[in-house]
PDB file of N, CA and C in Angstrom:
ATOM      1  N   UNK A   1    -280.979  77.814-139.386  1.00  0.00           N
ATOM      2  CA  UNK A   1    -280.635  76.667-138.547  1.00  0.00           C
ATOM      3  C   UNK A   1    -281.398  75.435-139.029  1.00  0.00           C
ATOM      4  N   UNK A   2    -280.710  74.323-139.000  1.00  0.00           N
ATOM      5  CA  UNK A   2    -281.286  73.068-139.449  1.00  0.00           C
ATOM      6  C   UNK A   2    -282.287  72.550-138.426  1.00  0.00           C
ATOM      7  N   UNK A   3    -283.370  71.981-138.929  1.00  0.00           N
ATOM      8  CA  UNK A   3    -284.348  71.335-138.059  1.00  0.00           C
ATOM      9  C   UNK A   3    -283.851  69.915-137.787  1.00  0.00           C
ATOM     10  N   UNK A   4    -283.498  69.654-136.559  1.00  0.00           N
ATOM     11  CA  UNK A   4    -282.896  68.376-136.197  1.00  0.00           C
ATOM     12  C   UNK A   4    -283.887  67.383-135.599  1.00  0.00           C
ATOM     13  N   UNK A   5    -285.183  67.579-135.802  1.00  0.00           N
ATOM     14  CA  UNK A   5    -286.179  66.691-135.191  1.00  0.00           C
ATOM     15  C   UNK A   5    -285.970  65.232-135.581  1.00  0.00           C
ATOM     16  N   UNK A   6    -285.706  64.979-136.856  1.00  0.00           N
ATOM     17  CA  UNK A   6    -285.517  63.597-137.314  1.00  0.00           C
ATOM     18  C   UNK A   6    -284.273  62.985-136.682  1.00  0.00           C
ATOM     19  N   UNK A   7    -283.201  63.788-136.595  1.00  0.00           N
ATOM     20  CA  UNK A   7    -281.979  63.265-135.981  1.00  0.00           C
ATOM     21  C   UNK A   7    -282.187  62.974-134.502  1.00  0.00           C
ATOM     22  N   UNK A   8    -282.931  63.824-133.821  1.00  0.00           N
ATOM     23  CA  UNK A   8    -283.202  63.611-132.396  1.00  0.00           C
ATOM     24  C   UNK A   8    -283.974  62.309-132.190  1.00  0.00           C
ATOM     25  N   UNK A   9    -284.955  62.045-133.042  1.00  0.00           N
ATOM     26  CA  UNK A   9    -285.711  60.791-132.945  1.00  0.00           C
ATOM     27  C   UNK A   9    -284.786  59.595-133.134  1.00  0.00           C
ATOM     28  N   UNK A  10    -283.894  59.697-134.111  1.00  0.00           N
ATOM     29  CA  UNK A  10    -282.973  58.599-134.374  1.00  0.00           C
ATOM     30  C   UNK A  10    -281.999  58.424-133.214  1.00  0.00           C
ATOM     31  N   UNK A  11    -281.505  59.518-132.675  1.00  0.00           N
ATOM     32  CA  UNK A  11    -280.581  59.441-131.538  1.00  0.00           C
ATOM     33  C   UNK A  11    -281.273  58.813-130.335  1.00  0.00           C
ATOM     34  N   UNK A  12    -282.530  59.141-130.118  1.00  0.00           N
ATOM     35  CA  UNK A  12    -283.281  58.530-129.016  1.00  0.00           C
ATOM     36  C   UNK A  12    -283.411  57.019-129.205  1.00  0.00           C
ATOM     37  N   UNK A  13    -283.619  56.590-130.452  1.00  0.00           N
ATOM     38  CA  UNK A  13    -283.677  55.146-130.723  1.00  0.00           C
ATOM     39  C   UNK A  13    -282.319  54.496-130.464  1.00  0.00           C
ATOM     40  N   UNK A  14    -281.262  55.191-130.868  1.00  0.00           N
ATOM     41  CA  UNK A  14    -279.913  54.670-130.641  1.00  0.00           C
ATOM     42  C   UNK A  14    -279.634  54.573-129.140  1.00  0.00           C
ATOM     43  N   UNK A  15    -280.090  55.575-128.406  1.00  0.00           N
ATOM     44  CA  UNK A  15    -279.923  55.552-126.947  1.00  0.00           C
ATOM     45  C   UNK A  15    -280.581  54.300-126.360  1.00  0.00           C
ATOM     46  N   UNK A  16    -281.766  53.989-126.818  1.00  0.00           N
ATOM     47  CA  UNK A  16    -282.449  52.776-126.365  1.00  0.00           C
ATOM     48  C   UNK A  16    -281.690  51.520-126.766  1.00  0.00           C
ATOM     49  N   UNK A  17    -281.121  51.563-127.956  1.00  0.00           N
ATOM     50  CA  UNK A  17    -280.333  50.427-128.430  1.00  0.00           C
ATOM     51  C   UNK A  17    -279.101  50.221-127.540  1.00  0.00           C
ATOM     52  N   UNK A  18    -278.452  51.317-127.151  1.00  0.00           N
ATOM     53  CA  UNK A  18    -277.275  51.224-126.286  1.00  0.00           C
ATOM     54  C   UNK A  18    -277.666  50.701-124.904  1.00  0.00           C
ATOM     55  N   UNK A  19    -278.800  51.140-124.389  1.00  0.00           N
ATOM     56  CA  UNK A  19    -279.280  50.596-123.111  1.00  0.00           C
ATOM     57  C   UNK A  19    -279.524  49.087-123.241  1.00  0.00           C
ATOM     58  N   UNK A  20    -280.035  48.678-124.396  1.00  0.00           N
ATOM     59  CA  UNK A  20    -280.240  47.248-124.641  1.00  0.00           C
ATOM     60  C   UNK A  20    -278.929  46.483-124.654  1.00  0.00           C
ATOM     61  N   UNK A  21    -277.904  47.099-125.240  1.00  0.00           N
ATOM     62  CA  UNK A  21    -276.581  46.461-125.249  1.00  0.00           C
ATOM     63  C   UNK A  21    -276.067  46.315-123.818  1.00  0.00           C
ATOM     64  N   UNK A  22    -276.261  47.339-123.014  1.00  0.00           N
ATOM     65  CA  UNK A  22    -275.853  47.280-121.610  1.00  0.00           C
ATOM     66  C   UNK A  22    -276.553  46.118-120.909  1.00  0.00           C
ATOM     67  N   UNK A  23    -277.823  45.975-121.169  1.00  0.00           N
ATOM     68  CA  UNK A  23    -278.577  44.866-120.581  1.00  0.00           C
ATOM     69  C   UNK A  23    -278.057  43.515-121.040  1.00  0.00           C
ATOM     70  N   UNK A  24    -277.677  43.440-122.305  1.00  0.00           N
ATOM     71  CA  UNK A  24    -277.119  42.193-122.821  1.00  0.00           C
ATOM     72  C   UNK A  24    -275.826  41.831-122.090  1.00  0.00           C
ATOM     73  N   UNK A  25    -274.981  42.839-121.854  1.00  0.00           N
ATOM     74  CA  UNK A  25    -273.726  42.602-121.146  1.00  0.00           C
ATOM     75  C   UNK A  25    -274.014  42.155-119.713  1.00  0.00           C
ATOM     76  N   UNK A  26    -274.934  42.868-119.054  1.00  0.00           N
ATOM     77  CA  UNK A  26    -275.291  42.511-117.670  1.00  0.00           C
ATOM     78  C   UNK A  26    -275.839  41.090-117.578  1.00  0.00           C
ATOM     79  N   UNK A  27    -276.596  40.690-118.603  1.00  0.00           N
ATOM     80  CA  UNK A  27    -277.201  39.355-118.603  1.00  0.00           C
ATOM     81  C   UNK A  27    -276.229  38.266-119.044  1.00  0.00           C
ATOM     82  N   UNK A  28    -275.027  38.673-119.451  1.00  0.00           N
ATOM     83  CA  UNK A  28    -274.038  37.690-119.877  1.00  0.00           C
ATOM     84  C   UNK A  28    -274.364  37.040-121.206  1.00  0.00           C
ATOM     85  N   UNK A  29    -274.995  37.800-122.082  1.00  0.00           N
ATOM     86  CA  UNK A  29    -275.360  37.261-123.398  1.00  0.00           C
ATOM     87  C   UNK A  29    -274.118  36.914-124.202  1.00  0.00           C
ATOM     88  N   UNK A  30    -274.312  36.148-125.235  1.00  0.00           N
ATOM     89  CA  UNK A  30    -273.235  35.677-126.106  1.00  0.00           C
ATOM     90  C   UNK A  30    -272.504  36.870-126.730  1.00  0.00           C
ATOM     91  N   UNK A  31    -271.177  36.827-126.660  1.00  0.00           N
ATOM     92  CA  UNK A  31    -270.336  37.959-127.092  1.00  0.00           C
ATOM     93  C   UNK A  31    -270.608  38.389-128.530  1.00  0.00           C
ATOM     94  N   UNK A  32    -270.769  37.440-129.424  1.00  0.00           N
ATOM     95  CA  UNK A  32    -270.987  37.774-130.828  1.00  0.00           C
ATOM     96  C   UNK A  32    -272.298  38.549-130.999  1.00  0.00           C
ATOM     97  N   UNK A  33    -273.323  38.179-130.254  1.00  0.00           N
ATOM     98  CA  UNK A  33    -274.597  38.899-130.313  1.00  0.00           C
ATOM     99  C   UNK A  33    -274.417  40.343-129.838  1.00  0.00           C
ATOM    100  N   UNK A  34    -273.658  40.522-128.772  1.00  0.00           N
ATOM    101  CA  UNK A  34    -273.398  41.871-128.242  1.00  0.00           C
ATOM    102  C   UNK A  34    -272.622  42.686-129.269  1.00  0.00           C
ATOM    103  N   UNK A  35    -271.595  42.081-129.843  1.00  0.00           N
ATOM    104  CA  UNK A  35    -270.779  42.792-130.832  1.00  0.00           C
ATOM    105  C   UNK A  35    -271.587  43.186-132.067  1.00  0.00           C
ATOM    106  N   UNK A  36    -272.516  42.336-132.470  1.00  0.00           N
ATOM    107  CA  UNK A  36    -273.376  42.680-133.605  1.00  0.00           C
ATOM    108  C   UNK A  36    -274.241  43.900-133.277  1.00  0.00           C
ATOM    109  N   UNK A  37    -274.750  43.969-132.068  1.00  0.00           N
ATOM    110  CA  UNK A  37    -275.565  45.115-131.664  1.00  0.00           C
ATOM    111  C   UNK A  37    -274.721  46.391-131.563  1.00  0.00           C
ATOM    112  N   UNK A  38    -273.480  46.247-131.097  1.00  0.00           N
ATOM    113  CA  UNK A  38    -272.579  47.403-131.039  1.00  0.00           C
ATOM    114  C   UNK A  38    -272.311  47.914-132.448  1.00  0.00           C
ATOM    115  N   UNK A  39    -272.073  46.999-133.385  1.00  0.00           N
ATOM    116  CA  UNK A  39    -271.839  47.398-134.775  1.00  0.00           C
ATOM    117  C   UNK A  39    -273.049  48.137-135.335  1.00  0.00           C
ATOM    118  N   UNK A  40    -274.235  47.656-135.038  1.00  0.00           N
ATOM    119  CA  UNK A  40    -275.459  48.295-135.525  1.00  0.00           C
ATOM    120  C   UNK A  40    -275.617  49.697-134.934  1.00  0.00           C
ATOM    121  N   UNK A  41    -275.311  49.847-133.650  1.00  0.00           N
ATOM    122  CA  UNK A  41    -275.411  51.163-133.000  1.00  0.00           C
ATOM    123  C   UNK A  41    -274.393  52.136-133.590  1.00  0.00           C
ATOM    124  N   UNK A  42    -273.179  51.649-133.830  1.00  0.00           N
ATOM    125  CA  UNK A  42    -272.152  52.505-134.439  1.00  0.00           C
ATOM    126  C   UNK A  42    -272.575  52.948-135.831  1.00  0.00           C
ATOM    127  N   UNK A  43    -273.142  52.040-136.614  1.00  0.00           N
ATOM    128  CA  UNK A  43    -273.592  52.380-137.960  1.00  0.00           C
ATOM    129  C   UNK A  43    -274.713  53.418-137.910  1.00  0.00           C
ATOM    130  N   UNK A  44    -275.606  53.267-136.953  1.00  0.00           N
ATOM    131  CA  UNK A  44    -276.707  54.225-136.811  1.00  0.00           C
ATOM    132  C   UNK A  44    -276.175  55.607-136.427  1.00  0.00           C
ATOM    133  N   UNK A  45    -275.225  55.657-135.503  1.00  0.00           N
ATOM    134  CA  UNK A  45    -274.621  56.935-135.117  1.00  0.00           C
ATOM    135  C   UNK A  45    -273.881  57.573-136.289  1.00  0.00           C
ATOM    136  N   UNK A  46    -273.179  56.750-137.044  1.00  0.00           N
ATOM    137  CA  UNK A  46    -272.462  57.274-138.215  1.00  0.00           C
ATOM    138  C   UNK A  46    -273.448  57.914-139.195  1.00  0.00           C
ATOM    139  N   UNK A  47    -274.572  57.260-139.412  1.00  0.00           N
ATOM    140  CA  UNK A  47    -275.556  57.798-140.358  1.00  0.00           C
ATOM    141  C   UNK A  47    -276.135  59.121-139.862  1.00  0.00           C
ATOM    142  N   UNK A  48    -276.412  59.226-138.572  1.00  0.00           N
ATOM    143  CA  UNK A  48    -276.901  60.492-138.018  1.00  0.00           C
ATOM    144  C   UNK A  48    -275.842  61.580-138.227  1.00  0.00           C
ATOM    145  N   UNK A  49    -274.585  61.228-137.967  1.00  0.00           N
ATOM    146  CA  UNK A  49    -273.508  62.189-138.178  1.00  0.00           C
ATOM    147  C   UNK A  49    -273.420  62.648-139.625  1.00  0.00           C
ATOM    148  N   UNK A  50    -273.564  61.716-140.553  1.00  0.00           N
ATOM    149  CA  UNK A  50    -273.525  62.076-141.978  1.00  0.00           C
ATOM    150  C   UNK A  50    -274.698  62.969-142.354  1.00  0.00           C
ATOM    151  N   UNK A  51    -275.856  62.699-141.791  1.00  0.00           N
ATOM    152  CA  UNK A  51    -277.026  63.545-142.060  1.00  0.00           C
ATOM    153  C   UNK A  51    -276.805  64.966-141.540  1.00  0.00           C
ATOM    154  N   UNK A  52    -276.224  65.079-140.355  1.00  0.00           N
ATOM    155  CA  UNK A  52    -275.950  66.396-139.782  1.00  0.00           C
ATOM    156  C   UNK A  52    -274.867  67.103-140.592  1.00  0.00           C
ATOM    157  N   UNK A  53    -273.856  66.364-141.017  1.00  0.00           N
ATOM    158  CA  UNK A  53    -272.817  66.938-141.873  1.00  0.00           C
ATOM    159  C   UNK A  53    -273.407  67.450-143.177  1.00  0.00           C
ATOM    160  N   UNK A  54    -274.305  66.689-143.770  1.00  0.00           N
ATOM    161  CA  UNK A  54    -274.973  67.111-145.003  1.00  0.00           C
ATOM    162  C   UNK A  54    -275.723  68.424-144.787  1.00  0.00           C
ATOM    163  N   UNK A  55    -276.434  68.513-143.670  1.00  0.00           N
ATOM    164  CA  UNK A  55    -277.154  69.750-143.359  1.00  0.00           C
ATOM    165  C   UNK A  55    -276.214  70.920-143.162  1.00  0.00           C
ATOM    166  N   UNK A  56    -275.067  70.670-142.552  1.00  0.00           N
ATOM    167  CA  UNK A  56    -274.075  71.729-142.339  1.00  0.00           C
ATOM    168  C   UNK A  56    -273.537  72.235-143.676  1.00  0.00           C
ATOM    169  N   UNK A  57    -273.206  71.303-144.570  1.00  0.00           N
ATOM    170  CA  UNK A  57    -272.669  71.701-145.879  1.00  0.00           C
ATOM    171  C   UNK A  57    -273.727  72.467-146.679  1.00  0.00           C
ATOM    172  N   UNK A  58    -274.946  71.955-146.687  1.00  0.00           N
ATOM    173  CA  UNK A  58    -276.004  72.604-147.472  1.00  0.00           C
ATOM    174  C   UNK A  58    -276.491  73.905-146.847  1.00  0.00           C
ATOM    175  N   UNK A  59    -276.327  74.036-145.538  1.00  0.00           N
ATOM    176  CA  UNK A  59    -276.784  75.240-144.855  1.00  0.00           C
ATOM    177  C   UNK A  59    -275.660  76.216-144.588  1.00  0.00           C
ATOM    178  N   UNK A  60    -274.815  75.899-143.634  1.00  0.00           N
ATOM    179  CA  UNK A  60    -273.765  76.821-143.184  1.00  0.00           C
ATOM    180  C   UNK A  60    -272.717  77.093-144.258  1.00  0.00           C
ATOM    181  N   UNK A  61    -272.202  76.024-144.868  1.00  0.00           N
ATOM    182  CA  UNK A  61    -271.145  76.207-145.866  1.00  0.00           C
ATOM    183  C   UNK A  61    -271.710  76.890-147.110  1.00  0.00           C
ATOM    184  N   UNK A  62    -272.850  76.429-147.578  1.00  0.00           N
ATOM    185  CA  UNK A  62    -273.458  77.063-148.753  1.00  0.00           C
ATOM    186  C   UNK A  62    -273.808  78.515-148.459  1.00  0.00           C
ATOM    187  N   UNK A  63    -274.270  78.801-147.250  1.00  0.00           N
ATOM    188  CA  UNK A  63    -274.573  80.185-146.872  1.00  0.00           C
ATOM    189  C   UNK A  63    -273.343  81.067-146.919  1.00  0.00           C
ATOM    190  N   UNK A  64    -272.231  80.531-146.466  1.00  0.00           N
ATOM    191  CA  UNK A  64    -270.977  81.299-146.517  1.00  0.00           C
ATOM    192  C   UNK A  64    -270.575  81.561-147.963  1.00  0.00           C
ATOM    193  N   UNK A  65    -270.707  80.563-148.813  1.00  0.00           N
ATOM    194  CA  UNK A  65    -270.366  80.739-150.226  1.00  0.00           C
ATOM    195  C   UNK A  65    -271.285  81.771-150.865  1.00  0.00           C
ATOM    196  N   UNK A  66    -272.572  81.678-150.582  1.00  0.00           N
ATOM    197  CA  UNK A  66    -273.528  82.630-151.152  1.00  0.00           C
ATOM    198  C   UNK A  66    -273.329  84.048-150.639  1.00  0.00           C
ATOM    199  N   UNK A  67    -272.720  84.188-149.462  1.00  0.00           N
ATOM    200  CA  UNK A  67    -272.483  85.527-148.914  1.00  0.00           C
ATOM    201  C   UNK A  67    -271.412  86.267-149.702  1.00  0.00           C
ATOM    202  N   UNK A  68    -270.601  85.494-150.416  1.00  0.00           N
ATOM    203  CA  UNK A  68    -269.494  86.053-151.203  1.00  0.00           C
ATOM    204  C   UNK A  68    -268.492  86.814-150.334  1.00  0.00           C
ATOM    205  N   UNK A  69    -268.480  86.489-149.052  1.00  0.00           N
ATOM    206  CA  UNK A  69    -267.523  87.068-148.121  1.00  0.00           C
ATOM    207  C   UNK A  69    -266.354  86.090-148.017  1.00  0.00           C
ATOM    208  N   UNK A  70    -265.195  86.455-148.584  1.00  0.00           N
ATOM    209  CA  UNK A  70    -264.064  85.522-148.612  1.00  0.00           C
ATOM    210  C   UNK A  70    -263.628  85.039-147.230  1.00  0.00           C
ATOM    211  N   UNK A  71    -263.697  85.906-146.232  1.00  0.00           N
ATOM    212  CA  UNK A  71    -263.306  85.486-144.877  1.00  0.00           C
ATOM    213  C   UNK A  71    -264.255  84.431-144.337  1.00  0.00           C
ATOM    214  N   UNK A  72    -265.544  84.636-144.566  1.00  0.00           N
ATOM    215  CA  UNK A  72    -266.543  83.667-144.092  1.00  0.00           C
ATOM    216  C   UNK A  72    -266.402  82.343-144.834  1.00  0.00           C
ATOM    217  N   UNK A  73    -266.167  82.411-146.138  1.00  0.00           N
ATOM    218  CA  UNK A  73    -265.979  81.195-146.929  1.00  0.00           C
ATOM    219  C   UNK A  73    -264.757  80.431-146.422  1.00  0.00           C
ATOM    220  N   UNK A  74    -263.637  81.139-146.250  1.00  0.00           N
ATOM    221  CA  UNK A  74    -262.415  80.486-145.776  1.00  0.00           C
ATOM    222  C   UNK A  74    -262.606  79.873-144.396  1.00  0.00           C
ATOM    223  N   UNK A  75    -263.324  80.561-143.530  1.00  0.00           N
ATOM    224  CA  UNK A  75    -263.579  80.045-142.188  1.00  0.00           C
ATOM    225  C   UNK A  75    -264.354  78.731-142.248  1.00  0.00           C
ATOM    226  N   UNK A  76    -265.415  78.706-143.054  1.00  0.00           N
ATOM    227  CA  UNK A  76    -266.232  77.492-143.154  1.00  0.00           C
ATOM    228  C   UNK A  76    -265.477  76.357-143.839  1.00  0.00           C
ATOM    229  N   UNK A  77    -264.680  76.677-144.860  1.00  0.00           N
ATOM    230  CA  UNK A  77    -263.898  75.646-145.537  1.00  0.00           C
ATOM    231  C   UNK A  77    -262.850  75.081-144.590  1.00  0.00           C
ATOM    232  N   UNK A  78    -262.174  75.946-143.840  1.00  0.00           N
ATOM    233  CA  UNK A  78    -261.185  75.483-142.867  1.00  0.00           C
ATOM    234  C   UNK A  78    -261.837  74.605-141.801  1.00  0.00           C
ATOM    235  N   UNK A  79    -262.988  75.048-141.329  1.00  0.00           N
ATOM    236  CA  UNK A  79    -263.721  74.287-140.314  1.00  0.00           C
ATOM    237  C   UNK A  79    -264.085  72.896-140.843  1.00  0.00           C
ATOM    238  N   UNK A  80    -264.592  72.857-142.071  1.00  0.00           N
ATOM    239  CA  UNK A  80    -265.007  71.593-142.674  1.00  0.00           C
ATOM    240  C   UNK A  80    -263.800  70.692-142.930  1.00  0.00           C
ATOM    241  N   UNK A  81    -262.717  71.261-143.411  1.00  0.00           N
ATOM    242  CA  UNK A  81    -261.515  70.485-143.671  1.00  0.00           C
ATOM    243  C   UNK A  81    -260.969  69.881-142.379  1.00  0.00           C
ATOM    244  N   UNK A  82    -260.922  70.667-141.325  1.00  0.00           N
ATOM    245  CA  UNK A  82    -260.455  70.173-140.028  1.00  0.00           C
ATOM    246  C   UNK A  82    -261.348  69.037-139.535  1.00  0.00           C
ATOM    247  N   UNK A  83    -262.652  69.217-139.653  1.00  0.00           N
ATOM    248  CA  UNK A  83    -263.596  68.186-139.237  1.00  0.00           C
ATOM    249  C   UNK A  83    -263.374  66.894-140.015  1.00  0.00           C
ATOM    250  N   UNK A  84    -263.238  66.999-141.323  1.00  0.00           N
ATOM    251  CA  UNK A  84    -263.081  65.800-142.143  1.00  0.00           C
ATOM    252  C   UNK A  84    -261.760  65.087-141.864  1.00  0.00           C
ATOM    253  N   UNK A  85    -260.729  65.831-141.515  1.00  0.00           N
ATOM    254  CA  UNK A  85    -259.445  65.201-141.157  1.00  0.00           C
ATOM    255  C   UNK A  85    -259.583  64.374-139.887  1.00  0.00           C
ATOM    256  N   UNK A  86    -260.445  64.807-138.991  1.00  0.00           N
ATOM    257  CA  UNK A  86    -260.644  64.109-137.714  1.00  0.00           C
ATOM    258  C   UNK A  86    -261.693  63.008-137.806  1.00  0.00           C
ATOM    259  N   UNK A  87    -262.533  63.059-138.829  1.00  0.00           N
ATOM    260  CA  UNK A  87    -263.663  62.149-138.953  1.00  0.00           C
ATOM    261  C   UNK A  87    -263.169  60.722-139.064  1.00  0.00           C
ATOM    262  N   UNK A  88    -263.753  59.875-138.278  1.00  0.00           N
ATOM    263  CA  UNK A  88    -263.395  58.460-138.319  1.00  0.00           C
ATOM    264  C   UNK A  88    -264.400  57.743-139.193  1.00  0.00           C
ATOM    265  N   UNK A  89    -263.955  57.202-140.273  1.00  0.00           N
ATOM    266  CA  UNK A  89    -264.844  56.559-141.224  1.00  0.00           C
ATOM    267  C   UNK A  89    -265.032  55.158-140.940  1.00  0.00           C
TER     268      UNK A  89
END
């Protein structure tokens, strides 16, 4: 299992950033400033997702390949393919 401590720290920072965006909206801050913060939060979430995806490929998918079990390999490849089809870039 992947150690997600770094991702959890980043997600906690993003959570604080989102609370800040909420405060900006409540305070009636300038729309462009709010949108810039939303873009930054989305980019941060995307990066966390990519880091977790990298860990999945290097851990779970590579483990299935190393097992040399065709059913396990096919399952992980199908899972990854389905995920990537849904992934919003």
